[in-house]
Amino acid sequence: MAIIDFTFYELETFCKVVELESFSKAAKATFLAQASVSGRIASLEQKIGVQLLDRLGRKVIPSAAGELLYKHAILLLEMKKTARLEFESFLGMEQGAILIGGSTIPGEYILPGLIGKFHRQYPKISVNLTIADTSKIKNRVLSGELEIGVVGSKSPHPSLLAHKLWEDELVLAVPNRHPWARRRTISLQELRTTPFILREEGSGTLKTLDSFLHAAGIEGTNALQVAARFSSSTAIKEGIKSGLGLSILSSKAIDTELNAGLLKSLKVKGLSMNRSFFLIRNKLRIASPSCQAILEFLLATAGDQKI
């Protein structure tokens, strides 16, 4: 019987194809040419002597043999990572790269400044920040694509650990020439009668707003006259300034526009809209020394509400 053997590179590529169900997506995720991904899978199948993946149209799924290999591959790769991290910790290494994620508000308005401060303290650690909606960041932390994330809502997933970081307030943003611009508050009924711009599905801000509206006794965001949905706070601010509609945004997201007099912020009577941002990580994965450094750095900022 031929000896079955494989390399870690082949296993890493195989696992990525299985997890993303696509050769092209796996190539993008591993920074390889698609031909290289296909070559590694072909080499692996030749060494083992059996087909590991079934192609169903554009979707790729593991065969029975592929399922067996994947089960062992993820354990082997986790053991490799654990050994590397323990050696790095033993050697006191504070260098390398760390992949973190942030939902829109912390990712665009809070984390960049903090990463600058972190870099001055740890100049040999490179921080790669991915910005996406809360749902995507949580999924990427769970899958191991990101080591940690900072998002606007907790998750009930048992594998995610959440640490409260900073407080945030949602406010109603209106153009400076809007009839309400001179007011400090409006009623819930008035809010329901004006064109409104919402964030996209999966947004932590959208989820939080929907919960606040339900708590106030109305049918969540379904009670609003939705004029548009945008996937970023920047796009929403431009929509507000153009007269498309109003929106409820993080006070941190409109700070520059408020100071410049381009937008005004109001409160909604009977609607207390305070929330928190959370640092999340997968408790099943060992934190690298560089990850542990930024974890401790971010947790140390939790009491600084000037962020």
Foldseek 3Di string as FASTA:
>chain_A
DADADADLVLLQLLLLCQVVQALVVSCVLVVHDSVVSVVSQVVNCVRVVHRQWDDDDRGIHGDPVVVVSNVVSVVVVQVVVVVVQVVCVVVVDQADEAEEEEEFCCQPQNVVVLVVVVCVVRVRYHYHYHYAAPQVRVVCQQVVSHFKYKAFDDDPDPQKDKDWAEKWFKWKKAFLPDPCNPPAEDEPVVQLPWEEEAEDPRHSVQVLQQVQVVVLPDRGPVSHNYQYYDHHPVVVLVCRLVVSTMYIDICSSCVVVVVVSGIHTHHYPSGGGMTTMIMMHGNVHDAHPNRVSVVVSRNVNRVPHVD
